[in-house]
PDB file of N, CA and C in Angstrom:
ATOM      1  N   MET A   1       3.391  19.710   9.361  1.00  0.00           N
ATOM      2  CA  MET A   1       2.761  20.898   8.848  1.00  0.00           C
ATOM      3  C   MET A   1       2.161  21.669  10.028  1.00  0.00           C
ATOM      4  N   PRO A   2       2.413  22.943  10.110  1.00  0.00           N
ATOM      5  CA  PRO A   2       1.827  23.694  11.215  1.00  0.00           C
ATOM      6  C   PRO A   2       0.311  23.803  11.050  1.00  0.00           C
ATOM      7  N   ALA A   3      -0.362  23.912  12.173  1.00  0.00           N
ATOM      8  CA  ALA A   3      -1.818  24.053  12.127  1.00  0.00           C
ATOM      9  C   ALA A   3      -2.176  25.361  11.418  1.00  0.00           C
ATOM     10  N   PRO A   4      -3.102  25.307  10.465  1.00  0.00           N
ATOM     11  CA  PRO A   4      -3.475  26.523   9.735  1.00  0.00           C
ATOM     12  C   PRO A   4      -4.365  27.413  10.589  1.00  0.00           C
ATOM     13  N   PRO A   5      -4.374  28.700  10.274  1.00  0.00           N
ATOM     14  CA  PRO A   5      -5.287  29.588  10.998  1.00  0.00           C
ATOM     15  C   PRO A   5      -6.736  29.203  10.685  1.00  0.00           C
ATOM     16  N   ARG A   6      -7.616  29.624  11.545  1.00  0.00           N
ATOM     17  CA  ARG A   6      -9.040  29.294  11.363  1.00  0.00           C
ATOM     18  C   ARG A   6      -9.862  30.559  11.188  1.00  0.00           C
ATOM     19  N   ARG A   7     -10.896  30.389  10.415  1.00  0.00           N
ATOM     20  CA  ARG A   7     -11.942  31.408  10.290  1.00  0.00           C
ATOM     21  C   ARG A   7     -13.219  30.747  10.777  1.00  0.00           C
ATOM     22  N   GLY A   8     -13.525  30.962  12.010  1.00  0.00           N
ATOM     23  CA  GLY A   8     -14.672  30.260  12.596  1.00  0.00           C
ATOM     24  C   GLY A   8     -14.352  28.790  12.694  1.00  0.00           C
ATOM     25  N   ARG A   9     -15.184  27.957  12.084  1.00  0.00           N
ATOM     26  CA  ARG A   9     -14.984  26.509  12.113  1.00  0.00           C
ATOM     27  C   ARG A   9     -14.101  26.018  10.974  1.00  0.00           C
ATOM     28  N   TYR A  10     -13.725  26.874  10.055  1.00  0.00           N
ATOM     29  CA  TYR A  10     -13.011  26.465   8.853  1.00  0.00           C
ATOM     30  C   TYR A  10     -11.521  26.777   8.938  1.00  0.00           C
ATOM     31  N   ARG A  11     -10.717  25.864   8.396  1.00  0.00           N
ATOM     32  CA  ARG A  11      -9.276  26.091   8.320  1.00  0.00           C
ATOM     33  C   ARG A  11      -8.991  26.928   7.087  1.00  0.00           C
ATOM     34  N   SER A  12      -8.019  27.799   7.193  1.00  0.00           N
ATOM     35  CA  SER A  12      -7.654  28.669   6.088  1.00  0.00           C
ATOM     36  C   SER A  12      -6.247  28.302   5.610  1.00  0.00           C
ATOM     37  N   TYR A  13      -6.169  27.575   4.490  1.00  0.00           N
ATOM     38  CA  TYR A  13      -4.890  27.136   3.951  1.00  0.00           C
ATOM     39  C   TYR A  13      -4.397  28.111   2.896  1.00  0.00           C
ATOM     40  N   GLY A  14      -3.093  28.341   2.889  1.00  0.00           N
ATOM     41  CA  GLY A  14      -2.472  29.156   1.857  1.00  0.00           C
ATOM     42  C   GLY A  14      -2.183  28.302   0.626  1.00  0.00           C
ATOM     43  N   GLY A  15      -1.740  28.930  -0.445  1.00  0.00           N
ATOM     44  CA  GLY A  15      -1.455  28.220  -1.685  1.00  0.00           C
ATOM     45  C   GLY A  15      -0.407  27.136  -1.531  1.00  0.00           C
ATOM     46  N   GLY A  16       0.655  27.430  -0.772  1.00  0.00           N
ATOM     47  CA  GLY A  16       1.696  26.426  -0.543  1.00  0.00           C
ATOM     48  C   GLY A  16       1.183  25.225   0.227  1.00  0.00           C
ATOM     49  N   ASP A  17       0.296  25.488   1.183  1.00  0.00           N
ATOM     50  CA  ASP A  17      -0.298  24.394   1.959  1.00  0.00           C
ATOM     51  C   ASP A  17      -1.137  23.490   1.065  1.00  0.00           C
ATOM     52  N   VAL A  18      -1.893  24.085   0.154  1.00  0.00           N
ATOM     53  CA  VAL A  18      -2.744  23.309  -0.756  1.00  0.00           C
ATOM     54  C   VAL A  18      -1.880  22.418  -1.645  1.00  0.00           C
ATOM     55  N   VAL A  19      -0.768  22.970  -2.138  1.00  0.00           N
ATOM     56  CA  VAL A  19       0.144  22.187  -2.972  1.00  0.00           C
ATOM     57  C   VAL A  19       0.716  21.020  -2.168  1.00  0.00           C
ATOM     58  N   ARG A  20       1.134  21.300  -0.941  1.00  0.00           N
ATOM     59  CA  ARG A  20       1.697  20.259  -0.081  1.00  0.00           C
ATOM     60  C   ARG A  20       0.657  19.186   0.234  1.00  0.00           C
ATOM     61  N   LEU A  21      -0.569  19.582   0.530  1.00  0.00           N
ATOM     62  CA  LEU A  21      -1.628  18.603   0.809  1.00  0.00           C
ATOM     63  C   LEU A  21      -1.913  17.740  -0.423  1.00  0.00           C
ATOM     64  N   GLY A  22      -1.868  18.339  -1.614  1.00  0.00           N
ATOM     65  CA  GLY A  22      -2.034  17.567  -2.847  1.00  0.00           C
ATOM     66  C   GLY A  22      -0.910  16.548  -3.013  1.00  0.00           C
ATOM     67  N   PHE A  23       0.315  16.954  -2.707  1.00  0.00           N
ATOM     68  CA  PHE A  23       1.476  16.062  -2.742  1.00  0.00           C
ATOM     69  C   PHE A  23       1.247  14.875  -1.810  1.00  0.00           C
ATOM     70  N   VAL A  24       0.820  15.180  -0.586  1.00  0.00           N
ATOM     71  CA  VAL A  24       0.582  14.134   0.412  1.00  0.00           C
ATOM     72  C   VAL A  24      -0.517  13.188  -0.081  1.00  0.00           C
ATOM     73  N   ARG A  25      -1.592  13.741  -0.596  1.00  0.00           N
ATOM     74  CA  ARG A  25      -2.706  12.909  -1.075  1.00  0.00           C
ATOM     75  C   ARG A  25      -2.245  11.973  -2.194  1.00  0.00           C
ATOM     76  N   ARG A  26      -1.511  12.498  -3.168  1.00  0.00           N
ATOM     77  CA  ARG A  26      -1.052  11.667  -4.282  1.00  0.00           C
ATOM     78  C   ARG A  26      -0.064  10.600  -3.807  1.00  0.00           C
ATOM     79  N   ALA A  27       0.817  10.963  -2.882  1.00  0.00           N
ATOM     80  CA  ALA A  27       1.761   9.980  -2.342  1.00  0.00           C
ATOM     81  C   ALA A  27       1.023   8.872  -1.597  1.00  0.00           C
ATOM     82  N   ARG A  28       0.018   9.243  -0.836  1.00  0.00           N
ATOM     83  CA  ARG A  28      -0.779   8.234  -0.110  1.00  0.00           C
ATOM     84  C   ARG A  28      -1.545   7.333  -1.082  1.00  0.00           C
ATOM     85  N   GLU A  29      -2.040   7.914  -2.187  1.00  0.00           N
ATOM     86  CA  GLU A  29      -2.733   7.111  -3.204  1.00  0.00           C
ATOM     87  C   GLU A  29      -1.795   6.076  -3.814  1.00  0.00           C
ATOM     88  N   LEU A  30      -0.498   6.372  -3.853  1.00  0.00           N
ATOM     89  CA  LEU A  30       0.492   5.418  -4.358  1.00  0.00           C
ATOM     90  C   LEU A  30       0.942   4.431  -3.283  1.00  0.00           C
ATOM     91  N   GLY A  31       0.375   4.568  -2.080  1.00  0.00           N
ATOM     92  CA  GLY A  31       0.636   3.617  -1.015  1.00  0.00           C
ATOM     93  C   GLY A  31       1.812   3.945  -0.122  1.00  0.00           C
ATOM     94  N   PHE A  32       2.401   5.127  -0.270  1.00  0.00           N
ATOM     95  CA  PHE A  32       3.487   5.503   0.626  1.00  0.00           C
ATOM     96  C   PHE A  32       2.933   5.692   2.034  1.00  0.00           C
ATOM     97  N   THR A  33       3.696   5.252   3.032  1.00  0.00           N
ATOM     98  CA  THR A  33       3.297   5.451   4.424  1.00  0.00           C
ATOM     99  C   THR A  33       3.488   6.921   4.788  1.00  0.00           C
ATOM    100  N   LEU A  34       2.929   7.327   5.915  1.00  0.00           N
ATOM    101  CA  LEU A  34       3.112   8.709   6.357  1.00  0.00           C
ATOM    102  C   LEU A  34       4.580   9.023   6.615  1.00  0.00           C
ATOM    103  N   ASP A  35       5.323   8.067   7.164  1.00  0.00           N
ATOM    104  CA  ASP A  35       6.759   8.285   7.378  1.00  0.00           C
ATOM    105  C   ASP A  35       7.483   8.470   6.040  1.00  0.00           C
ATOM    106  N   GLU A  36       7.103   7.673   5.039  1.00  0.00           N
ATOM    107  CA  GLU A  36       7.710   7.818   3.718  1.00  0.00           C
ATOM    108  C   GLU A  36       7.345   9.162   3.089  1.00  0.00           C
ATOM    109  N   VAL A  37       6.095   9.594   3.295  1.00  0.00           N
ATOM    110  CA  VAL A  37       5.669  10.898   2.774  1.00  0.00           C
ATOM    111  C   VAL A  37       6.480  12.006   3.432  1.00  0.00           C
ATOM    112  N   ARG A  38       6.684  11.904   4.737  1.00  0.00           N
ATOM    113  CA  ARG A  38       7.514  12.895   5.429  1.00  0.00           C
ATOM    114  C   ARG A  38       8.918  12.942   4.840  1.00  0.00           C
ATOM    115  N   ALA A  39       9.469  11.757   4.595  1.00  0.00           N
ATOM    116  CA  ALA A  39      10.815  11.687   4.012  1.00  0.00           C
ATOM    117  C   ALA A  39      10.818  12.305   2.614  1.00  0.00           C
ATOM    118  N   LEU A  40       9.802  12.009   1.822  1.00  0.00           N
ATOM    119  CA  LEU A  40       9.718  12.586   0.471  1.00  0.00           C
ATOM    120  C   LEU A  40       9.596  14.106   0.527  1.00  0.00           C
ATOM    121  N   LEU A  41       8.786  14.596   1.440  1.00  0.00           N
ATOM    122  CA  LEU A  41       8.646  16.053   1.580  1.00  0.00           C
ATOM    123  C   LEU A  41       9.982  16.683   1.976  1.00  0.00           C
ATOM    124  N   GLY A  42      10.699  16.030   2.876  1.00  0.00           N
ATOM    125  CA  GLY A  42      12.007  16.536   3.280  1.00  0.00           C
ATOM    126  C   GLY A  42      12.983  16.525   2.120  1.00  0.00           C
ATOM    127  N   LEU A  43      12.944  15.464   1.332  1.00  0.00           N
ATOM    128  CA  LEU A  43      13.830  15.379   0.173  1.00  0.00           C
ATOM    129  C   LEU A  43      13.429  16.383  -0.903  1.00  0.00           C
ATOM    130  N   ALA A  44      12.129  16.606  -1.069  1.00  0.00           N
ATOM    131  CA  ALA A  44      11.655  17.566  -2.078  1.00  0.00           C
ATOM    132  C   ALA A  44      12.153  18.970  -1.765  1.00  0.00           C
ATOM    133  N   ALA A  45      12.291  19.255  -0.493  1.00  0.00           N
ATOM    134  CA  ALA A  45      12.777  20.583  -0.105  1.00  0.00           C
ATOM    135  C   ALA A  45      14.257  20.752  -0.449  1.00  0.00           C
ATOM    136  N   GLY A  46      14.952  19.626  -0.700  1.00  0.00           N
ATOM    137  CA  GLY A  46      16.380  19.676  -0.983  1.00  0.00           C
ATOM    138  C   GLY A  46      16.744  19.938  -2.427  1.00  0.00           C
ATOM    139  N   GLY A  47      15.782  19.935  -3.328  1.00  0.00           N
ATOM    140  CA  GLY A  47      16.079  20.197  -4.740  1.00  0.00           C
ATOM    141  C   GLY A  47      16.495  18.950  -5.496  1.00  0.00           C
ATOM    142  N   HIS A  48      17.114  19.139  -6.655  1.00  0.00           N
ATOM    143  CA  HIS A  48      17.456  18.035  -7.551  1.00  0.00           C
ATOM    144  C   HIS A  48      18.580  17.150  -7.034  1.00  0.00           C
ATOM    145  N   SER A  49      19.395  17.649  -6.139  1.00  0.00           N
ATOM    146  CA  SER A  49      20.528  16.856  -5.648  1.00  0.00           C
ATOM    147  C   SER A  49      20.062  15.618  -4.885  1.00  0.00           C
ATOM    148  N   THR A  50      18.804  15.547  -4.512  1.00  0.00           N
ATOM    149  CA  THR A  50      18.292  14.427  -3.742  1.00  0.00           C
ATOM    150  C   THR A  50      17.548  13.421  -4.604  1.00  0.00           C
ATOM    151  N   CYS A  51      17.587  13.570  -5.914  1.00  0.00           N
ATOM    152  CA  CYS A  51      16.833  12.684  -6.799  1.00  0.00           C
ATOM    153  C   CYS A  51      17.204  11.219  -6.583  1.00  0.00           C
ATOM    154  N   ALA A  52      18.457  10.927  -6.372  1.00  0.00           N
ATOM    155  CA  ALA A  52      18.886   9.544  -6.148  1.00  0.00           C
ATOM    156  C   ALA A  52      18.273   8.986  -4.865  1.00  0.00           C
ATOM    157  N   GLU A  53      18.163   9.811  -3.831  1.00  0.00           N
ATOM    158  CA  GLU A  53      17.548   9.355  -2.580  1.00  0.00           C
ATOM    159  C   GLU A  53      16.060   9.084  -2.770  1.00  0.00           C
ATOM    160  N   VAL A  54      15.388   9.944  -3.527  1.00  0.00           N
ATOM    161  CA  VAL A  54      13.964   9.736  -3.823  1.00  0.00           C
ATOM    162  C   VAL A  54      13.798   8.454  -4.612  1.00  0.00           C
ATOM    163  N   ARG A  55      14.682   8.243  -5.588  1.00  0.00           N
ATOM    164  CA  ARG A  55      14.620   7.030  -6.398  1.00  0.00           C
ATOM    165  C   ARG A  55      14.799   5.802  -5.519  1.00  0.00           C
ATOM    166  N   ASP A  56      15.742   5.843  -4.581  1.00  0.00           N
ATOM    167  CA  ASP A  56      15.979   4.714  -3.683  1.00  0.00           C
ATOM    168  C   ASP A  56      14.753   4.426  -2.820  1.00  0.00           C
ATOM    169  N   LEU A  57      14.148   5.472  -2.288  1.00  0.00           N
ATOM    170  CA  LEU A  57      12.945   5.307  -1.471  1.00  0.00           C
ATOM    171  C   LEU A  57      11.817   4.705  -2.317  1.00  0.00           C
ATOM    172  N   ALA A  58      11.661   5.201  -3.540  1.00  0.00           N
ATOM    173  CA  ALA A  58      10.618   4.692  -4.429  1.00  0.00           C
ATOM    174  C   ALA A  58      10.895   3.245  -4.838  1.00  0.00           C
ATOM    175  N   ALA A  59      12.157   2.893  -5.034  1.00  0.00           N
ATOM    176  CA  ALA A  59      12.511   1.527  -5.412  1.00  0.00           C
ATOM    177  C   ALA A  59      12.163   0.541  -4.297  1.00  0.00           C
ATOM    178  N   VAL A  60      12.438   0.920  -3.058  1.00  0.00           N
ATOM    179  CA  VAL A  60      12.080   0.071  -1.919  1.00  0.00           C
ATOM    180  C   VAL A  60      10.563  -0.074  -1.836  1.00  0.00           C
ATOM    181  N   HIS A  61       9.856   1.025  -2.029  1.00  0.00           N
ATOM    182  CA  HIS A  61       8.390   0.987  -1.983  1.00  0.00           C
ATOM    183  C   HIS A  61       7.847   0.110  -3.114  1.00  0.00           C
ATOM    184  N   LEU A  62       8.427   0.221  -4.303  1.00  0.00           N
ATOM    185  CA  LEU A  62       8.004  -0.597  -5.440  1.00  0.00           C
ATOM    186  C   LEU A  62       8.190  -2.080  -5.142  1.00  0.00           C
ATOM    187  N   LYS A  63       9.305  -2.421  -4.515  1.00  0.00           N
ATOM    188  CA  LYS A  63       9.546  -3.822  -4.143  1.00  0.00           C
ATOM    189  C   LYS A  63       8.457  -4.315  -3.181  1.00  0.00           C
ATOM    190  N   ASP A  64       8.103  -3.478  -2.210  1.00  0.00           N
ATOM    191  CA  ASP A  64       7.040  -3.838  -1.267  1.00  0.00           C
ATOM    192  C   ASP A  64       5.695  -3.997  -1.974  1.00  0.00           C
ATOM    193  N   VAL A  65       5.390  -3.098  -2.895  1.00  0.00           N
ATOM    194  CA  VAL A  65       4.132  -3.172  -3.640  1.00  0.00           C
ATOM    195  C   VAL A  65       4.079  -4.461  -4.448  1.00  0.00           C
ATOM    196  N   ARG A  66       5.181  -4.792  -5.110  1.00  0.00           N
ATOM    197  CA  ARG A  66       5.210  -6.033  -5.898  1.00  0.00           C
ATOM    198  C   ARG A  66       5.049  -7.265  -5.012  1.00  0.00           C
ATOM    199  N   ALA A  67       5.621  -7.233  -3.822  1.00  0.00           N
ATOM    200  CA  ALA A  67       5.463  -8.354  -2.887  1.00  0.00           C
ATOM    201  C   ALA A  67       4.002  -8.482  -2.458  1.00  0.00           C
ATOM    202  N   ARG A  68       3.353  -7.342  -2.200  1.00  0.00           N
ATOM    203  CA  ARG A  68       1.931  -7.392  -1.824  1.00  0.00           C
ATOM    204  C   ARG A  68       1.078  -7.905  -2.970  1.00  0.00           C
ATOM    205  N   ILE A  69       1.406  -7.501  -4.203  1.00  0.00           N
ATOM    206  CA  ILE A  69       0.666  -7.993  -5.369  1.00  0.00           C
ATOM    207  C   ILE A  69       0.815  -9.508  -5.472  1.00  0.00           C
ATOM    208  N   ALA A  70       2.032 -10.021  -5.283  1.00  0.00           N
ATOM    209  CA  ALA A  70       2.255 -11.466  -5.321  1.00  0.00           C
ATOM    210  C   ALA A  70       1.448 -12.166  -4.234  1.00  0.00           C
ATOM    211  N   ASP A  71       1.420 -11.582  -3.026  1.00  0.00           N
ATOM    212  CA  ASP A  71       0.621 -12.149  -1.937  1.00  0.00           C
ATOM    213  C   ASP A  71      -0.862 -12.154  -2.289  1.00  0.00           C
ATOM    214  N   LEU A  72      -1.341 -11.064  -2.863  1.00  0.00           N
ATOM    215  CA  LEU A  72      -2.754 -10.988  -3.253  1.00  0.00           C
ATOM    216  C   LEU A  72      -3.086 -12.005  -4.346  1.00  0.00           C
ATOM    217  N   LYS A  73      -2.187 -12.198  -5.293  1.00  0.00           N
ATOM    218  CA  LYS A  73      -2.422 -13.197  -6.348  1.00  0.00           C
ATOM    219  C   LYS A  73      -2.487 -14.598  -5.757  1.00  0.00           C
ATOM    220  N   ARG A  74      -1.604 -14.877  -4.787  1.00  0.00           N
ATOM    221  CA  ARG A  74      -1.635 -16.181  -4.120  1.00  0.00           C
ATOM    222  C   ARG A  74      -2.950 -16.363  -3.361  1.00  0.00           C
ATOM    223  N   MET A  75      -3.389 -15.313  -2.664  1.00  0.00           N
ATOM    224  CA  MET A  75      -4.671 -15.377  -1.955  1.00  0.00           C
ATOM    225  C   MET A  75      -5.820 -15.623  -2.933  1.00  0.00           C
ATOM    226  N   GLU A  76      -5.751 -14.936  -4.073  1.00  0.00           N
ATOM    227  CA  GLU A  76      -6.798 -15.102  -5.078  1.00  0.00           C
ATOM    228  C   GLU A  76      -6.862 -16.551  -5.558  1.00  0.00           C
ATOM    229  N   ARG A  77      -5.702 -17.163  -5.816  1.00  0.00           N
ATOM    230  CA  ARG A  77      -5.692 -18.558  -6.283  1.00  0.00           C
ATOM    231  C   ARG A  77      -6.305 -19.494  -5.243  1.00  0.00           C
ATOM    232  N   VAL A  78      -5.909 -19.323  -3.984  1.00  0.00           N
ATOM    233  CA  VAL A  78      -6.432 -20.202  -2.927  1.00  0.00           C
ATOM    234  C   VAL A  78      -7.938 -20.029  -2.798  1.00  0.00           C
ATOM    235  N   LEU A  79      -8.397 -18.776  -2.799  1.00  0.00           N
ATOM    236  CA  LEU A  79      -9.839 -18.538  -2.673  1.00  0.00           C
ATOM    237  C   LEU A  79     -10.601 -19.043  -3.886  1.00  0.00           C
ATOM    238  N   ALA A  80     -10.065 -18.813  -5.082  1.00  0.00           N
ATOM    239  CA  ALA A  80     -10.737 -19.292  -6.300  1.00  0.00           C
ATOM    240  C   ALA A  80     -10.820 -20.810  -6.299  1.00  0.00           C
ATOM    241  N   ASP A  81      -9.738 -21.492  -5.913  1.00  0.00           N
ATOM    242  CA  ASP A  81      -9.758 -22.959  -5.836  1.00  0.00           C
ATOM    243  C   ASP A  81     -10.793 -23.434  -4.832  1.00  0.00           C
ATOM    244  N   SER A  82     -10.882 -22.754  -3.693  1.00  0.00           N
ATOM    245  CA  SER A  82     -11.855 -23.142  -2.661  1.00  0.00           C
ATOM    246  C   SER A  82     -13.278 -22.932  -3.146  1.00  0.00           C
ATOM    247  N   VAL A  83     -13.531 -21.819  -3.819  1.00  0.00           N
ATOM    248  CA  VAL A  83     -14.882 -21.551  -4.334  1.00  0.00           C
ATOM    249  C   VAL A  83     -15.250 -22.586  -5.398  1.00  0.00           C
ATOM    250  N   ARG A  84     -14.297 -22.907  -6.297  1.00  0.00           N
ATOM    251  CA  ARG A  84     -14.567 -23.931  -7.320  1.00  0.00           C
ATOM    252  C   ARG A  84     -14.874 -25.275  -6.664  1.00  0.00           C
ATOM    253  N   ALA A  85     -14.113 -25.621  -5.622  1.00  0.00           N
ATOM    254  CA  ALA A  85     -14.366 -26.877  -4.925  1.00  0.00           C
ATOM    255  C   ALA A  85     -15.744 -26.864  -4.264  1.00  0.00           C
ATOM    256  N   CYS A  86     -16.134 -25.713  -3.714  1.00  0.00           N
ATOM    257  CA  CYS A  86     -17.476 -25.601  -3.126  1.00  0.00           C
ATOM    258  C   CYS A  86     -18.548 -25.781  -4.200  1.00  0.00           C
ATOM    259  N   ASP A  87     -18.323 -25.125  -5.352  1.00  0.00           N
ATOM    260  CA  ASP A  87     -19.294 -25.221  -6.444  1.00  0.00           C
ATOM    261  C   ASP A  87     -19.426 -26.645  -6.961  1.00  0.00           C
ATOM    262  N   ALA A  88     -18.321 -27.405  -6.957  1.00  0.00           N
ATOM    263  CA  ALA A  88     -18.357 -28.776  -7.447  1.00  0.00           C
ATOM    264  C   ALA A  88     -19.175 -29.665  -6.520  1.00  0.00           C
ATOM    265  N   GLY A  89     -19.169 -29.344  -5.232  1.00  0.00           N
ATOM    266  CA  GLY A  89     -19.989 -30.077  -4.260  1.00  0.00           C
ATOM    267  C   GLY A  89     -19.593 -31.517  -4.068  1.00  0.00           C
ATOM    268  N   GLN A  90     -18.362 -31.872  -4.394  1.00  0.00           N
ATOM    269  CA  GLN A  90     -17.952 -33.273  -4.283  1.00  0.00           C
ATOM    270  C   GLN A  90     -17.363 -33.604  -2.920  1.00  0.00           C
ATOM    271  N   ASP A  91     -16.926 -32.591  -2.196  1.00  0.00           N
ATOM    272  CA  ASP A  91     -16.336 -32.835  -0.882  1.00  0.00           C
ATOM    273  C   ASP A  91     -17.447 -32.893   0.168  1.00  0.00           C
ATOM    274  N   PRO A  92     -17.310 -33.825   1.126  1.00  0.00           N
ATOM    275  CA  PRO A  92     -18.347 -33.919   2.158  1.00  0.00           C
ATOM    276  C   PRO A  92     -18.364 -32.711   3.088  1.00  0.00           C
ATOM    277  N   GLY A  93     -17.220 -32.073   3.281  1.00  0.00           N
ATOM    278  CA  GLY A  93     -17.141 -30.908   4.163  1.00  0.00           C
ATOM    279  C   GLY A  93     -17.146 -29.631   3.344  1.00  0.00           C
ATOM    280  N   CYS A  94     -16.624 -28.606   3.931  1.00  0.00           N
ATOM    281  CA  CYS A  94     -16.532 -27.314   3.251  1.00  0.00           C
ATOM    282  C   CYS A  94     -15.075 -27.087   2.843  1.00  0.00           C
ATOM    283  N   PRO A  95     -14.786 -27.009   1.548  1.00  0.00           N
ATOM    284  CA  PRO A  95     -13.397 -26.837   1.109  1.00  0.00           C
ATOM    285  C   PRO A  95     -12.721 -25.580   1.654  1.00  0.00           C
ATOM    286  N   LEU A  96     -13.454 -24.492   1.801  1.00  0.00           N
ATOM    287  CA  LEU A  96     -12.831 -23.275   2.314  1.00  0.00           C
ATOM    288  C   LEU A  96     -12.450 -23.451   3.784  1.00  0.00           C
ATOM    289  N   ILE A  97     -13.343 -24.030   4.566  1.00  0.00           N
ATOM    290  CA  ILE A  97     -13.036 -24.295   5.979  1.00  0.00           C
ATOM    291  C   ILE A  97     -11.853 -25.252   6.077  1.00  0.00           C
ATOM    292  N   ASP A  98     -11.839 -26.297   5.226  1.00  0.00           N
ATOM    293  CA  ASP A  98     -10.719 -27.237   5.230  1.00  0.00           C
ATOM    294  C   ASP A  98      -9.410 -26.527   4.888  1.00  0.00           C
ATOM    295  N   THR A  99      -9.451 -25.606   3.940  1.00  0.00           N
ATOM    296  CA  THR A  99      -8.263 -24.850   3.555  1.00  0.00           C
ATOM    297  C   THR A  99      -7.761 -24.006   4.722  1.00  0.00           C
ATOM    298  N   LEU A 100      -8.677 -23.409   5.467  1.00  0.00           N
ATOM    299  CA  LEU A 100      -8.284 -22.571   6.595  1.00  0.00           C
ATOM    300  C   LEU A 100      -7.670 -23.389   7.728  1.00  0.00           C
ATOM    301  N   TYR A 101      -8.122 -24.648   7.866  1.00  0.00           N
ATOM    302  CA  TYR A 101      -7.545 -25.518   8.896  1.00  0.00           C
ATOM    303  C   TYR A 101      -6.241 -26.168   8.451  1.00  0.00           C
ATOM    304  N   ALA A 102      -5.949 -26.172   7.167  1.00  0.00           N
ATOM    305  CA  ALA A 102      -4.759 -26.843   6.638  1.00  0.00           C
ATOM    306  C   ALA A 102      -3.490 -26.148   7.090  1.00  0.00           C
ATOM    307  N   GLU A 103      -2.408 -26.919   7.141  1.00  0.00           N
ATOM    308  CA  GLU A 103      -1.100 -26.351   7.462  1.00  0.00           C
ATOM    309  C   GLU A 103      -0.712 -25.385   6.352  1.00  0.00           C
ATOM    310  N   PRO A 104      -0.193 -24.206   6.729  1.00  0.00           N
ATOM    311  CA  PRO A 104       0.212 -23.264   5.689  1.00  0.00           C
ATOM    312  C   PRO A 104       1.401 -23.785   4.906  1.00  0.00           C
ATOM    313  N   ARG A 105       1.377 -23.477   3.606  1.00  0.00           N
ATOM    314  CA  ARG A 105       2.510 -23.835   2.753  1.00  0.00           C
ATOM    315  C   ARG A 105       3.561 -22.739   2.883  1.00  0.00           C
ATOM    316  N   ALA A 106       4.782 -23.111   2.608  1.00  0.00           N
ATOM    317  CA  ALA A 106       5.868 -22.112   2.640  1.00  0.00           C
ATOM    318  C   ALA A 106       5.587 -21.060   1.576  1.00  0.00           C
ATOM    319  N   PRO A 107       5.775 -19.779   1.901  1.00  0.00           N
ATOM    320  CA  PRO A 107       5.545 -18.740   0.911  1.00  0.00           C
ATOM    321  C   PRO A 107       6.505 -18.854  -0.254  1.00  0.00           C
ATOM    322  N   ALA A 108       6.029 -18.438  -1.410  1.00  0.00           N
ATOM    323  CA  ALA A 108       6.869 -18.459  -2.610  1.00  0.00           C
ATOM    324  C   ALA A 108       8.011 -17.475  -2.416  1.00  0.00           C
ATOM    325  N   PRO A 109       9.185 -17.803  -2.930  1.00  0.00           N
ATOM    326  CA  PRO A 109      10.315 -16.865  -2.794  1.00  0.00           C
ATOM    327  C   PRO A 109      10.019 -15.560  -3.524  1.00  0.00           C
ATOM    328  N   ARG A 110      10.454 -14.465  -2.934  1.00  0.00           N
ATOM    329  CA  ARG A 110      10.223 -13.145  -3.534  1.00  0.00           C
ATOM    330  C   ARG A 110      11.405 -12.772  -4.405  1.00  0.00           C
ATOM    331  N   ALA A 111      11.075 -12.201  -5.540  1.00  0.00           N
ATOM    332  CA  ALA A 111      12.131 -11.795  -6.476  1.00  0.00           C
ATOM    333  C   ALA A 111      12.753 -10.492  -6.073  1.00  0.00           C
TER     334      ALA A 111
END
């Protein structure tokens, strides 16, 4: 995006710039990287003929999001188990510290 003109200390955006910035903000809220946002903006300029390309980009991003969700769920289970073990107070050491020193398990296969 070209640098907008300034009025003193303030940037002066036109209507098209505001729409584009809103697009970027919403795409970032969905977790798209800046490179992906650039690609989406380029595809958006191409009209409806690029819908399949947008879908492909979104499908790859969705797969990544689902993988991160699976990773977060696994982290949640390990942390919850460690906190429960701490609360039980039956281990002589610290269960969370022991978990951090333990050999990592192989990650679950991704679908």
